[in-house]
Protein backbone atom coordinates (compact mmCIF):
# COMPACT_ATOMS: atom_id res chain seq x y z
CA VAL A 1 3.21 -7.77 15.22
CA ASN A 2 3.44 -4.01 15.76
CA ALA A 3 0.21 -4.04 17.76
CA LYS A 4 1.62 -6.66 20.12
CA ILE A 5 4.86 -4.72 20.54
CA LYS A 6 3.01 -1.50 21.31
CA THR A 7 1.10 -3.12 24.17
CA PHE A 8 4.29 -2.60 26.14
CA GLN A 9 4.28 0.91 27.64
CA MET A 10 7.99 1.39 26.92
CA LEU A 11 7.40 1.49 23.17
CA LYS A 12 4.37 3.77 23.31
CA GLN A 13 6.19 6.70 24.86
CA LYS A 14 9.44 8.53 24.26
CA TYR A 15 12.31 6.58 25.80
CA ARG A 16 14.58 8.73 27.98
CA ASN A 17 17.22 6.31 29.24
CA ARG A 18 20.40 4.85 27.78
CA ARG A 19 20.28 3.52 24.23
CA LYS A 20 22.03 0.28 25.21
CA ARG A 21 19.29 -0.58 27.69
CA TYR A 22 16.62 0.35 25.16
CA ASN A 23 18.05 -2.10 22.64
CA LEU A 24 18.23 -4.82 25.27
CA ARG A 25 14.61 -4.28 26.28
CA VAL A 26 13.36 -4.20 22.70
CA ASN A 27 15.21 -7.45 21.99
CA LEU A 28 13.68 -9.07 25.07
CA ILE A 29 10.18 -7.92 24.13
CA CYS A 30 10.59 -9.22 20.58
CA ALA A 31 11.89 -12.53 21.92
CA LEU A 32 8.83 -12.89 24.15
CA ILE A 33 6.49 -12.14 21.25
CA ASN A 34 8.31 -14.60 18.98
CA PHE A 35 8.17 -17.24 21.71
CA ASP A 36 4.44 -16.66 22.12
CA ARG A 37 3.87 -16.87 18.35
CA ASN A 38 5.81 -20.15 18.14
CA MET A 39 3.78 -21.65 20.97
CA MET A 40 0.55 -20.94 19.06
CA VAL A 41 1.66 -22.96 16.03
């Protein structure tokens, strides 16, 4: 799972914007990965 998350550039580098937006983006990325994993089953 971590390898799939790190394919997004945002999580590879130091994040310099607002924490609220960071949490929103991480949640969206995780939702996309979970959606993709559920489609494979």
